[in-house]
Amino acid sequence: MFPSNSEFLQNSKQYLSKKYFVVFFSLLFAIVLSGVLQDENVMNHFLKISPWLVVVQLLLNFFVSGSIMVGISSYTMSIAKGEGIHFKRLFGHFNSLKPFFAFLIYTSLVLVGLILLIVPGVILALLFSQVFFVLANDSDIGVRDAFKKSKHMMSDRKMQFFLLQLRFLLYFLLGVFTLGIWWIWLLPKYYVAIALFFLELSKAE
């Protein structure tokens, strides 16, 4: 029987015992690094020099963001499997273009879906939400097959995953009232919980 979202949250605590601070700051570093190239000031500076630099910056952003997304997936899966913390997994996927193409395709599909209507964009985001985990879990799989596998895995689990995302969104909003201190526990729990979600989906394959 597939676990409930409450069980995913509860189980994530087990794997994160006494590791919250280490996992939080390592994830935060990866997320900040991924966001540096998206900074509006950086884009405006490049635009003043040459419009082509903005294109290069966007492509570099897709490459870095995609690699880090796969890295975070690999890193949190190792925790969810009880294998411990492996920092190298966060930045061990810059030697392949698969994360770049996966992030480019994923972002484009979701963006087009959101432009047409919000609901199709959300559905596409849910269907292909496991792409980066699939790539992290199987280094031999192609990008196209990773999208197919994610779609197949999520065909009957879209609503549950959507509710899990909403639940964490609410928690993160409530974390504002703790001046962000609660996020130290929430961020690791969020990523490990969705890693556990993926592992359960994999068992059903």
N, C-alpha and C. Protein backbone atom coordinates (compact mmCIF):
# COMPACT_ATOMS: atom_id res chain seq x y z
N MET A 1 0.85 -1.20 0.00
CA MET A 1 0.00 0.00 0.00
C MET A 1 0.88 1.25 0.00
N PHE A 2 0.53 2.19 -0.88
CA PHE A 2 1.32 3.40 -0.99
C PHE A 2 1.13 4.27 0.26
N PRO A 3 2.24 4.76 0.85
CA PRO A 3 2.15 5.56 2.09
C PRO A 3 1.38 6.86 1.89
N SER A 4 0.85 7.38 2.97
CA SER A 4 0.17 8.68 2.95
C SER A 4 1.21 9.78 3.07
N ASN A 5 0.79 11.01 2.81
CA ASN A 5 1.71 12.14 2.93
C ASN A 5 2.18 12.32 4.37
N SER A 6 1.30 12.04 5.31
CA SER A 6 1.68 12.13 6.73
C SER A 6 2.80 11.14 7.05
N GLU A 7 2.74 9.97 6.43
CA GLU A 7 3.77 8.96 6.65
C GLU A 7 5.10 9.40 6.05
N PHE A 8 5.05 10.06 4.90
CA PHE A 8 6.28 10.56 4.29
C PHE A 8 6.94 11.59 5.21
N LEU A 9 6.13 12.46 5.78
CA LEU A 9 6.65 13.47 6.70
C LEU A 9 7.24 12.83 7.95
N GLN A 10 6.54 11.86 8.47
CA GLN A 10 6.99 11.18 9.68
C GLN A 10 8.28 10.40 9.41
N ASN A 11 8.33 9.71 8.28
CA ASN A 11 9.51 8.91 7.96
C ASN A 11 10.73 9.77 7.68
N SER A 12 10.51 10.98 7.14
CA SER A 12 11.64 11.86 6.86
C SER A 12 12.38 12.24 8.15
N LYS A 13 11.65 12.32 9.25
CA LYS A 13 12.26 12.65 10.54
C LYS A 13 13.28 11.59 10.95
N GLN A 14 12.93 10.35 10.65
CA GLN A 14 13.78 9.23 11.01
C GLN A 14 15.16 9.34 10.34
N TYR A 15 15.16 9.73 9.08
CA TYR A 15 16.42 9.79 8.32
C TYR A 15 17.18 11.08 8.58
N LEU A 16 16.50 12.07 9.14
CA LEU A 16 17.14 13.37 9.36
C LEU A 16 17.54 13.60 10.82
N SER A 17 17.35 12.62 11.65
CA SER A 17 17.67 12.77 13.06
C SER A 17 19.10 13.27 13.26
N LYS A 18 19.25 14.41 13.94
CA LYS A 18 20.53 15.05 14.25
C LYS A 18 21.31 15.50 13.01
N LYS A 19 20.62 15.58 11.87
CA LYS A 19 21.29 15.98 10.63
C LYS A 19 20.67 17.22 10.00
N TYR A 20 19.68 17.80 10.68
CA TYR A 20 18.93 18.90 10.08
C TYR A 20 19.82 20.07 9.66
N PHE A 21 20.71 20.51 10.53
CA PHE A 21 21.52 21.69 10.25
C PHE A 21 22.46 21.44 9.07
N VAL A 22 23.10 20.30 9.06
CA VAL A 22 24.04 19.97 7.98
C VAL A 22 23.31 19.90 6.64
N VAL A 23 22.19 19.21 6.63
CA VAL A 23 21.42 19.05 5.39
C VAL A 23 20.85 20.40 4.95
N PHE A 24 20.35 21.18 5.90
CA PHE A 24 19.77 22.49 5.56
C PHE A 24 20.80 23.39 4.87
N PHE A 25 21.96 23.53 5.47
CA PHE A 25 22.95 24.46 4.92
C PHE A 25 23.56 23.95 3.61
N SER A 26 23.66 22.65 3.45
CA SER A 26 24.17 22.13 2.18
C SER A 26 23.14 22.34 1.06
N LEU A 27 21.87 22.13 1.37
CA LEU A 27 20.81 22.38 0.39
C LEU A 27 20.70 23.88 0.08
N LEU A 28 20.79 24.69 1.12
CA LEU A 28 20.70 26.14 0.93
C LEU A 28 21.82 26.64 0.03
N PHE A 29 23.03 26.13 0.24
CA PHE A 29 24.17 26.53 -0.59
C PHE A 29 23.91 26.17 -2.05
N ALA A 30 23.40 24.96 -2.30
CA ALA A 30 23.14 24.52 -3.67
C ALA A 30 22.05 25.37 -4.32
N ILE A 31 21.00 25.69 -3.55
CA ILE A 31 19.89 26.49 -4.08
C ILE A 31 20.34 27.92 -4.39
N VAL A 32 21.13 28.50 -3.49
CA VAL A 32 21.64 29.86 -3.71
C VAL A 32 22.55 29.90 -4.93
N LEU A 33 23.41 28.89 -5.05
CA LEU A 33 24.31 28.83 -6.21
C LEU A 33 23.51 28.75 -7.50
N SER A 34 22.43 27.97 -7.48
CA SER A 34 21.59 27.84 -8.66
C SER A 34 20.89 29.16 -9.00
N GLY A 35 20.59 29.95 -7.97
CA GLY A 35 19.85 31.20 -8.18
C GLY A 35 20.70 32.39 -8.54
N VAL A 36 22.01 32.30 -8.37
CA VAL A 36 22.90 33.44 -8.62
C VAL A 36 22.78 33.92 -10.06
N LEU A 37 22.77 32.98 -11.00
CA LEU A 37 22.72 33.34 -12.41
C LEU A 37 21.36 33.88 -12.83
N GLN A 38 20.34 33.70 -11.98
CA GLN A 38 19.00 34.20 -12.31
C GLN A 38 18.77 35.61 -11.78
N ASP A 39 19.77 36.15 -11.09
CA ASP A 39 19.63 37.47 -10.51
C ASP A 39 19.38 38.52 -11.59
N GLU A 40 18.38 39.36 -11.38
CA GLU A 40 17.99 40.37 -12.37
C GLU A 40 19.11 41.36 -12.63
N ASN A 41 19.87 41.71 -11.61
CA ASN A 41 20.97 42.65 -11.78
C ASN A 41 22.05 42.08 -12.69
N VAL A 42 22.30 40.78 -12.55
CA VAL A 42 23.29 40.12 -13.41
C VAL A 42 22.82 40.16 -14.86
N MET A 43 21.54 39.86 -15.07
CA MET A 43 20.98 39.86 -16.43
C MET A 43 21.02 41.25 -17.05
N ASN A 44 20.68 42.27 -16.27
CA ASN A 44 20.70 43.65 -16.78
C ASN A 44 22.12 44.09 -17.13
N HIS A 45 23.08 43.65 -16.32
CA HIS A 45 24.49 43.99 -16.59
C HIS A 45 24.94 43.36 -17.90
N PHE A 46 24.60 42.10 -18.11
CA PHE A 46 24.95 41.42 -19.35
C PHE A 46 24.24 42.05 -20.55
N LEU A 47 22.98 42.46 -20.34
CA LEU A 47 22.20 43.05 -21.43
C LEU A 47 22.83 44.36 -21.91
N LYS A 48 23.39 45.12 -20.99
CA LYS A 48 24.05 46.37 -21.37
C LYS A 48 25.29 46.14 -22.21
N ILE A 49 25.96 45.02 -21.95
CA ILE A 49 27.17 44.70 -22.71
C ILE A 49 26.80 44.15 -24.08
N SER A 50 25.93 43.15 -24.09
CA SER A 50 25.50 42.53 -25.35
C SER A 50 24.29 41.63 -25.10
N PRO A 51 23.28 41.70 -25.98
CA PRO A 51 22.11 40.82 -25.83
C PRO A 51 22.50 39.34 -25.90
N TRP A 52 23.57 39.06 -26.64
CA TRP A 52 24.01 37.67 -26.76
C TRP A 52 24.51 37.11 -25.43
N LEU A 53 25.04 37.99 -24.60
CA LEU A 53 25.52 37.55 -23.29
C LEU A 53 24.36 37.08 -22.41
N VAL A 54 23.19 37.68 -22.62
CA VAL A 54 22.00 37.27 -21.88
C VAL A 54 21.61 35.84 -22.29
N VAL A 55 21.71 35.56 -23.59
CA VAL A 55 21.40 34.22 -24.09
C VAL A 55 22.38 33.21 -23.49
N VAL A 56 23.66 33.57 -23.49
CA VAL A 56 24.68 32.70 -22.90
C VAL A 56 24.41 32.49 -21.42
N GLN A 57 24.01 33.58 -20.74
CA GLN A 57 23.73 33.50 -19.31
C GLN A 57 22.54 32.59 -19.03
N LEU A 58 21.51 32.67 -19.88
CA LEU A 58 20.33 31.83 -19.71
C LEU A 58 20.67 30.35 -19.92
N LEU A 59 21.47 30.08 -20.94
CA LEU A 59 21.88 28.70 -21.20
C LEU A 59 22.73 28.15 -20.06
N LEU A 60 23.62 29.01 -19.55
CA LEU A 60 24.45 28.60 -18.42
C LEU A 60 23.59 28.36 -17.18
N ASN A 61 22.56 29.18 -17.03
CA ASN A 61 21.64 29.02 -15.91
C ASN A 61 20.91 27.69 -15.99
N PHE A 62 20.45 27.33 -17.20
CA PHE A 62 19.78 26.05 -17.38
C PHE A 62 20.72 24.89 -17.07
N PHE A 63 21.98 25.03 -17.48
CA PHE A 63 22.96 23.96 -17.24
C PHE A 63 23.22 23.79 -15.75
N VAL A 64 23.47 24.91 -15.06
CA VAL A 64 23.76 24.86 -13.62
C VAL A 64 22.54 24.40 -12.84
N SER A 65 21.38 24.98 -13.15
CA SER A 65 20.15 24.63 -12.42
C SER A 65 19.78 23.17 -12.61
N GLY A 66 19.88 22.68 -13.84
CA GLY A 66 19.57 21.29 -14.12
C GLY A 66 20.50 20.34 -13.39
N SER A 67 21.79 20.65 -13.41
CA SER A 67 22.78 19.81 -12.74
C SER A 67 22.56 19.79 -11.24
N ILE A 68 22.21 20.93 -10.68
CA ILE A 68 21.98 20.99 -9.23
C ILE A 68 20.67 20.31 -8.85
N MET A 69 19.66 20.41 -9.71
CA MET A 69 18.39 19.71 -9.44
C MET A 69 18.61 18.20 -9.37
N VAL A 70 19.38 17.68 -10.32
CA VAL A 70 19.70 16.25 -10.30
C VAL A 70 20.58 15.95 -9.10
N GLY A 71 21.50 16.86 -8.78
CA GLY A 71 22.37 16.68 -7.62
C GLY A 71 21.60 16.63 -6.31
N ILE A 72 20.65 17.54 -6.15
CA ILE A 72 19.82 17.55 -4.94
C ILE A 72 19.00 16.25 -4.85
N SER A 73 18.51 15.78 -5.99
CA SER A 73 17.74 14.54 -6.02
C SER A 73 18.61 13.36 -5.57
N SER A 74 19.84 13.31 -6.09
CA SER A 74 20.77 12.24 -5.72
C SER A 74 21.15 12.33 -4.24
N TYR A 75 21.41 13.54 -3.79
CA TYR A 75 21.83 13.79 -2.40
C TYR A 75 20.74 13.39 -1.41
N THR A 76 19.50 13.78 -1.69
CA THR A 76 18.40 13.48 -0.77
C THR A 76 17.97 12.02 -0.86
N MET A 77 18.15 11.41 -2.04
CA MET A 77 17.85 9.98 -2.14
C MET A 77 18.79 9.16 -1.28
N SER A 78 20.06 9.56 -1.24
CA SER A 78 21.02 8.81 -0.42
C SER A 78 20.63 8.89 1.06
N ILE A 79 20.08 10.04 1.47
CA ILE A 79 19.61 10.18 2.86
C ILE A 79 18.36 9.34 3.07
N ALA A 80 17.44 9.39 2.11
CA ALA A 80 16.18 8.64 2.22
C ALA A 80 16.39 7.14 2.19
N LYS A 81 17.50 6.70 1.61
CA LYS A 81 17.83 5.27 1.57
C LYS A 81 18.59 4.84 2.82
N GLY A 82 18.90 5.80 3.69
CA GLY A 82 19.66 5.49 4.88
C GLY A 82 21.14 5.30 4.63
N GLU A 83 21.63 5.85 3.51
CA GLU A 83 23.04 5.71 3.14
C GLU A 83 23.92 6.81 3.73
N GLY A 84 23.30 7.76 4.41
CA GLY A 84 24.06 8.85 5.01
C GLY A 84 24.14 10.07 4.10
N ILE A 85 24.97 11.02 4.50
CA ILE A 85 25.12 12.28 3.77
C ILE A 85 26.34 12.22 2.87
N HIS A 86 26.11 12.47 1.58
CA HIS A 86 27.21 12.45 0.60
C HIS A 86 27.20 13.78 -0.15
N PHE A 87 28.02 14.71 0.31
CA PHE A 87 28.03 16.05 -0.27
C PHE A 87 28.39 16.05 -1.75
N LYS A 88 29.25 15.13 -2.15
CA LYS A 88 29.71 15.10 -3.55
C LYS A 88 28.55 14.90 -4.52
N ARG A 89 27.49 14.27 -4.05
CA ARG A 89 26.35 14.02 -4.93
C ARG A 89 25.62 15.31 -5.32
N LEU A 90 25.75 16.34 -4.49
CA LEU A 90 25.11 17.62 -4.81
C LEU A 90 25.67 18.24 -6.09
N PHE A 91 26.97 18.04 -6.30
CA PHE A 91 27.62 18.71 -7.44
C PHE A 91 28.34 17.70 -8.34
N GLY A 92 27.79 16.48 -8.38
CA GLY A 92 28.44 15.45 -9.17
C GLY A 92 27.80 15.20 -10.52
N HIS A 93 27.00 16.14 -11.01
CA HIS A 93 26.29 15.92 -12.27
C HIS A 93 26.56 17.02 -13.30
N PHE A 94 27.71 17.66 -13.18
CA PHE A 94 28.08 18.70 -14.14
C PHE A 94 28.84 18.14 -15.33
N ASN A 95 29.01 16.83 -15.35
CA ASN A 95 29.77 16.20 -16.44
C ASN A 95 28.87 15.62 -17.52
N SER A 96 27.60 16.00 -17.49
CA SER A 96 26.64 15.51 -18.47
C SER A 96 25.70 16.64 -18.90
N LEU A 97 25.25 16.56 -20.15
CA LEU A 97 24.30 17.56 -20.66
C LEU A 97 22.85 17.14 -20.44
N LYS A 98 22.64 15.93 -19.93
CA LYS A 98 21.27 15.46 -19.69
C LYS A 98 20.49 16.37 -18.74
N PRO A 99 21.09 16.78 -17.59
CA PRO A 99 20.35 17.68 -16.69
C PRO A 99 19.99 19.00 -17.38
N PHE A 100 20.88 19.50 -18.23
CA PHE A 100 20.62 20.75 -18.96
C PHE A 100 19.39 20.61 -19.85
N PHE A 101 19.36 19.57 -20.66
CA PHE A 101 18.23 19.37 -21.57
C PHE A 101 16.94 19.06 -20.79
N ALA A 102 17.07 18.32 -19.70
CA ALA A 102 15.90 18.00 -18.88
C ALA A 102 15.30 19.26 -18.28
N PHE A 103 16.16 20.13 -17.75
CA PHE A 103 15.68 21.38 -17.14
C PHE A 103 15.09 22.30 -18.21
N LEU A 104 15.72 22.37 -19.37
CA LEU A 104 15.23 23.21 -20.46
C LEU A 104 13.86 22.75 -20.93
N ILE A 105 13.70 21.45 -21.14
CA ILE A 105 12.43 20.90 -21.61
C ILE A 105 11.35 21.04 -20.54
N TYR A 106 11.71 20.70 -19.29
CA TYR A 106 10.74 20.78 -18.19
C TYR A 106 10.23 22.21 -18.02
N THR A 107 11.14 23.17 -17.97
CA THR A 107 10.77 24.58 -17.80
C THR A 107 9.91 25.07 -18.96
N SER A 108 10.27 24.67 -20.17
CA SER A 108 9.52 25.11 -21.36
C SER A 108 8.11 24.55 -21.36
N LEU A 109 7.98 23.26 -21.04
CA LEU A 109 6.65 22.63 -21.02
C LEU A 109 5.74 23.27 -19.98
N VAL A 110 6.27 23.45 -18.79
CA VAL A 110 5.47 24.04 -17.71
C VAL A 110 5.11 25.48 -18.03
N LEU A 111 6.07 26.22 -18.57
CA LEU A 111 5.82 27.63 -18.92
C LEU A 111 4.73 27.76 -19.98
N VAL A 112 4.82 26.94 -21.02
CA VAL A 112 3.80 26.97 -22.08
C VAL A 112 2.44 26.60 -21.50
N GLY A 113 2.42 25.58 -20.63
CA GLY A 113 1.16 25.17 -20.00
C GLY A 113 0.55 26.26 -19.15
N LEU A 114 1.40 27.00 -18.43
CA LEU A 114 0.92 28.10 -17.59
C LEU A 114 0.41 29.27 -18.42
N ILE A 115 1.07 29.50 -19.56
CA ILE A 115 0.66 30.60 -20.44
C ILE A 115 -0.71 30.30 -21.05
N LEU A 116 -0.89 29.07 -21.52
CA LEU A 116 -2.16 28.70 -22.13
C LEU A 116 -3.28 28.74 -21.10
N LEU A 117 -3.10 28.02 -20.03
CA LEU A 117 -4.03 27.99 -18.90
C LEU A 117 -3.23 27.50 -17.70
N ILE A 118 -3.57 27.95 -16.53
CA ILE A 118 -2.80 27.59 -15.33
C ILE A 118 -2.86 26.08 -15.07
N VAL A 119 -4.04 25.49 -15.22
CA VAL A 119 -4.23 24.08 -14.88
C VAL A 119 -3.33 23.15 -15.71
N PRO A 120 -3.24 23.32 -17.04
CA PRO A 120 -2.33 22.46 -17.81
C PRO A 120 -0.88 22.57 -17.35
N GLY A 121 -0.47 23.77 -16.97
CA GLY A 121 0.89 23.97 -16.49
C GLY A 121 1.15 23.20 -15.20
N VAL A 122 0.17 23.23 -14.31
CA VAL A 122 0.30 22.51 -13.03
C VAL A 122 0.33 21.00 -13.29
N ILE A 123 -0.53 20.52 -14.19
CA ILE A 123 -0.59 19.09 -14.50
C ILE A 123 0.74 18.62 -15.10
N LEU A 124 1.28 19.41 -16.01
CA LEU A 124 2.56 19.05 -16.62
C LEU A 124 3.68 19.05 -15.58
N ALA A 125 3.65 20.03 -14.69
CA ALA A 125 4.66 20.10 -13.62
C ALA A 125 4.60 18.86 -12.74
N LEU A 126 3.39 18.39 -12.46
CA LEU A 126 3.21 17.20 -11.62
C LEU A 126 3.63 15.93 -12.37
N LEU A 127 3.22 15.81 -13.63
CA LEU A 127 3.54 14.62 -14.41
C LEU A 127 5.05 14.41 -14.55
N PHE A 128 5.77 15.51 -14.74
CA PHE A 128 7.21 15.41 -14.98
C PHE A 128 8.04 15.80 -13.77
N SER A 129 7.41 15.80 -12.61
CA SER A 129 8.09 16.21 -11.38
C SER A 129 9.21 15.25 -10.96
N GLN A 130 9.17 14.03 -11.45
CA GLN A 130 10.15 13.02 -11.04
C GLN A 130 11.32 12.88 -12.01
N VAL A 131 11.35 13.71 -13.04
CA VAL A 131 12.39 13.59 -14.07
C VAL A 131 13.80 13.66 -13.48
N PHE A 132 14.03 14.59 -12.58
CA PHE A 132 15.38 14.78 -12.04
C PHE A 132 15.78 13.63 -11.11
N PHE A 133 14.79 13.06 -10.42
CA PHE A 133 15.05 11.88 -9.60
C PHE A 133 15.37 10.67 -10.49
N VAL A 134 14.63 10.56 -11.59
CA VAL A 134 14.87 9.46 -12.52
C VAL A 134 16.29 9.53 -13.07
N LEU A 135 16.72 10.71 -13.46
CA LEU A 135 18.07 10.89 -13.99
C LEU A 135 19.13 10.62 -12.91
N ALA A 136 18.82 11.01 -11.68
CA ALA A 136 19.76 10.80 -10.58
C ALA A 136 19.86 9.32 -10.23
N ASN A 137 18.76 8.61 -10.41
CA ASN A 137 18.70 7.20 -10.02
C ASN A 137 19.26 6.27 -11.09
N ASP A 138 19.23 6.73 -12.35
CA ASP A 138 19.70 5.90 -13.47
C ASP A 138 20.52 6.77 -14.42
N SER A 139 21.83 6.67 -14.32
CA SER A 139 22.71 7.52 -15.14
C SER A 139 22.70 7.13 -16.62
N ASP A 140 22.17 5.94 -16.92
CA ASP A 140 22.17 5.47 -18.31
C ASP A 140 20.90 5.85 -19.08
N ILE A 141 19.87 6.28 -18.36
CA ILE A 141 18.61 6.58 -19.03
C ILE A 141 18.71 7.89 -19.83
N GLY A 142 18.03 7.93 -20.97
CA GLY A 142 18.01 9.14 -21.79
C GLY A 142 17.00 10.14 -21.27
N VAL A 143 17.13 11.38 -21.70
CA VAL A 143 16.23 12.44 -21.25
C VAL A 143 14.78 12.15 -21.65
N ARG A 144 14.59 11.75 -22.88
CA ARG A 144 13.23 11.44 -23.36
C ARG A 144 12.60 10.32 -22.53
N ASP A 145 13.37 9.27 -22.28
CA ASP A 145 12.85 8.15 -21.49
C ASP A 145 12.59 8.55 -20.04
N ALA A 146 13.40 9.50 -19.54
CA ALA A 146 13.19 9.99 -18.17
C ALA A 146 11.85 10.69 -18.05
N PHE A 147 11.49 11.46 -19.07
CA PHE A 147 10.18 12.13 -19.06
C PHE A 147 9.05 11.11 -19.18
N LYS A 148 9.25 10.11 -20.02
CA LYS A 148 8.22 9.06 -20.17
C LYS A 148 8.03 8.32 -18.85
N LYS A 149 9.15 8.00 -18.19
CA LYS A 149 9.07 7.26 -16.93
C LYS A 149 8.39 8.07 -15.85
N SER A 150 8.73 9.36 -15.77
CA SER A 150 8.09 10.24 -14.78
C SER A 150 6.58 10.31 -15.02
N LYS A 151 6.20 10.45 -16.28
CA LYS A 151 4.78 10.52 -16.63
C LYS A 151 4.06 9.24 -16.22
N HIS A 152 4.69 8.11 -16.47
CA HIS A 152 4.10 6.82 -16.11
C HIS A 152 3.99 6.67 -14.59
N MET A 153 5.03 7.04 -13.89
CA MET A 153 5.06 6.90 -12.43
C MET A 153 4.01 7.78 -11.76
N MET A 154 3.79 8.97 -12.33
CA MET A 154 2.91 9.95 -11.69
C MET A 154 1.47 9.89 -12.19
N SER A 155 1.18 8.97 -13.09
CA SER A 155 -0.16 8.93 -13.70
C SER A 155 -1.29 8.83 -12.67
N ASP A 156 -1.04 8.09 -11.59
CA ASP A 156 -2.08 7.92 -10.56
C ASP A 156 -1.74 8.61 -9.24
N ARG A 157 -0.65 9.39 -9.23
CA ARG A 157 -0.20 9.99 -7.97
C ARG A 157 -0.11 11.52 -8.03
N LYS A 158 -0.68 12.10 -9.06
CA LYS A 158 -0.59 13.56 -9.24
C LYS A 158 -1.23 14.31 -8.08
N MET A 159 -2.44 13.92 -7.70
CA MET A 159 -3.16 14.63 -6.65
C MET A 159 -2.45 14.52 -5.31
N GLN A 160 -1.97 13.31 -4.99
CA GLN A 160 -1.28 13.15 -3.71
C GLN A 160 -0.01 14.00 -3.66
N PHE A 161 0.73 14.03 -4.76
CA PHE A 161 1.96 14.82 -4.79
C PHE A 161 1.63 16.32 -4.73
N PHE A 162 0.55 16.71 -5.39
CA PHE A 162 0.10 18.10 -5.36
C PHE A 162 -0.25 18.52 -3.94
N LEU A 163 -0.95 17.65 -3.22
CA LEU A 163 -1.33 17.94 -1.84
C LEU A 163 -0.10 17.98 -0.93
N LEU A 164 0.89 17.16 -1.22
CA LEU A 164 2.14 17.18 -0.45
C LEU A 164 2.85 18.51 -0.65
N GLN A 165 2.87 18.99 -1.90
CA GLN A 165 3.49 20.28 -2.20
C GLN A 165 2.74 21.43 -1.51
N LEU A 166 1.41 21.37 -1.54
CA LEU A 166 0.59 22.40 -0.90
C LEU A 166 0.83 22.43 0.61
N ARG A 167 0.96 21.25 1.17
CA ARG A 167 1.19 21.14 2.60
C ARG A 167 2.48 21.82 3.01
N PHE A 168 3.54 21.56 2.25
CA PHE A 168 4.82 22.18 2.56
C PHE A 168 4.79 23.68 2.28
N LEU A 169 4.06 24.08 1.25
CA LEU A 169 3.94 25.51 0.96
C LEU A 169 3.32 26.24 2.14
N LEU A 170 2.28 25.65 2.70
CA LEU A 170 1.63 26.23 3.87
C LEU A 170 2.60 26.30 5.05
N TYR A 171 3.36 25.24 5.25
CA TYR A 171 4.33 25.22 6.34
C TYR A 171 5.40 26.30 6.15
N PHE A 172 5.86 26.45 4.91
CA PHE A 172 6.89 27.45 4.65
C PHE A 172 6.35 28.87 4.86
N LEU A 173 5.09 29.09 4.50
CA LEU A 173 4.47 30.40 4.74
C LEU A 173 4.35 30.66 6.24
N LEU A 174 3.97 29.64 6.99
CA LEU A 174 3.87 29.78 8.44
C LEU A 174 5.25 30.02 9.06
N GLY A 175 6.28 29.52 8.38
CA GLY A 175 7.65 29.71 8.87
C GLY A 175 8.08 31.16 8.91
N VAL A 176 7.39 32.00 8.14
CA VAL A 176 7.69 33.44 8.15
C VAL A 176 7.50 34.02 9.54
N PHE A 177 6.51 33.50 10.26
CA PHE A 177 6.21 34.01 11.60
C PHE A 177 7.24 33.58 12.64
N THR A 178 8.14 32.67 12.23
CA THR A 178 9.24 32.28 13.13
C THR A 178 10.55 32.93 12.68
N LEU A 179 10.41 33.97 11.81
CA LEU A 179 11.57 34.67 11.23
C LEU A 179 12.44 33.71 10.42
N GLY A 180 11.83 32.70 9.87
CA GLY A 180 12.55 31.75 9.02
C GLY A 180 13.27 30.64 9.76
N ILE A 181 13.24 30.67 11.08
CA ILE A 181 13.98 29.67 11.86
C ILE A 181 13.41 28.26 11.61
N TRP A 182 12.08 28.18 11.48
CA TRP A 182 11.44 26.89 11.25
C TRP A 182 11.90 26.26 9.94
N TRP A 183 12.33 27.09 8.97
CA TRP A 183 12.76 26.59 7.67
C TRP A 183 13.98 25.67 7.77
N ILE A 184 14.76 25.82 8.83
CA ILE A 184 15.93 24.96 9.04
C ILE A 184 15.50 23.50 9.13
N TRP A 185 14.34 23.27 9.68
CA TRP A 185 13.80 21.91 9.77
C TRP A 185 12.94 21.57 8.57
N LEU A 186 12.23 22.56 8.04
CA LEU A 186 11.29 22.29 6.95
C LEU A 186 11.98 21.95 5.64
N LEU A 187 13.04 22.69 5.30
CA LEU A 187 13.70 22.48 4.01
C LEU A 187 14.24 21.05 3.88
N PRO A 188 14.99 20.54 4.86
CA PRO A 188 15.44 19.14 4.76
C PRO A 188 14.28 18.14 4.71
N LYS A 189 13.24 18.39 5.54
CA LYS A 189 12.10 17.48 5.56
C LYS A 189 11.39 17.46 4.21
N TYR A 190 11.28 18.62 3.58
CA TYR A 190 10.62 18.72 2.28
C TYR A 190 11.35 17.86 1.24
N TYR A 191 12.65 18.08 1.12
CA TYR A 191 13.41 17.37 0.09
C TYR A 191 13.52 15.88 0.37
N VAL A 192 13.67 15.50 1.61
CA VAL A 192 13.76 14.07 1.93
C VAL A 192 12.39 13.40 1.75
N ALA A 193 11.32 14.11 2.08
CA ALA A 193 9.98 13.57 1.90
C ALA A 193 9.68 13.30 0.43
N ILE A 194 10.06 14.20 -0.46
CA ILE A 194 9.79 13.97 -1.88
C ILE A 194 10.73 12.91 -2.45
N ALA A 195 11.92 12.76 -1.83
CA ALA A 195 12.81 11.66 -2.23
C ALA A 195 12.19 10.33 -1.83
N LEU A 196 11.60 10.28 -0.64
CA LEU A 196 10.90 9.07 -0.19
C LEU A 196 9.71 8.77 -1.09
N PHE A 197 9.04 9.83 -1.53
CA PHE A 197 7.91 9.68 -2.46
C PHE A 197 8.38 9.01 -3.75
N PHE A 198 9.50 9.48 -4.28
CA PHE A 198 10.04 8.89 -5.51
C PHE A 198 10.42 7.42 -5.31
N LEU A 199 11.06 7.13 -4.19
CA LEU A 199 11.48 5.75 -3.92
C LEU A 199 10.29 4.81 -3.84
N GLU A 200 9.18 5.30 -3.27
CA GLU A 200 7.97 4.49 -3.22
C GLU A 200 7.38 4.29 -4.62
N LEU A 201 7.45 5.34 -5.43
CA LEU A 201 6.98 5.22 -6.81
C LEU A 201 7.81 4.18 -7.56
N SER A 202 9.11 4.17 -7.29
CA SER A 202 10.01 3.23 -7.95
C SER A 202 9.69 1.78 -7.58
N LYS A 203 9.29 1.56 -6.34
CA LYS A 203 8.93 0.21 -5.90
C LYS A 203 7.72 -0.33 -6.66
N ALA A 204 6.85 0.58 -7.07
CA ALA A 204 5.62 0.17 -7.76
C ALA A 204 5.85 -0.12 -9.23
N GLU A 205 7.05 0.21 -9.73
CA GLU A 205 7.35 0.01 -11.15
C GLU A 205 7.48 -1.49 -11.49
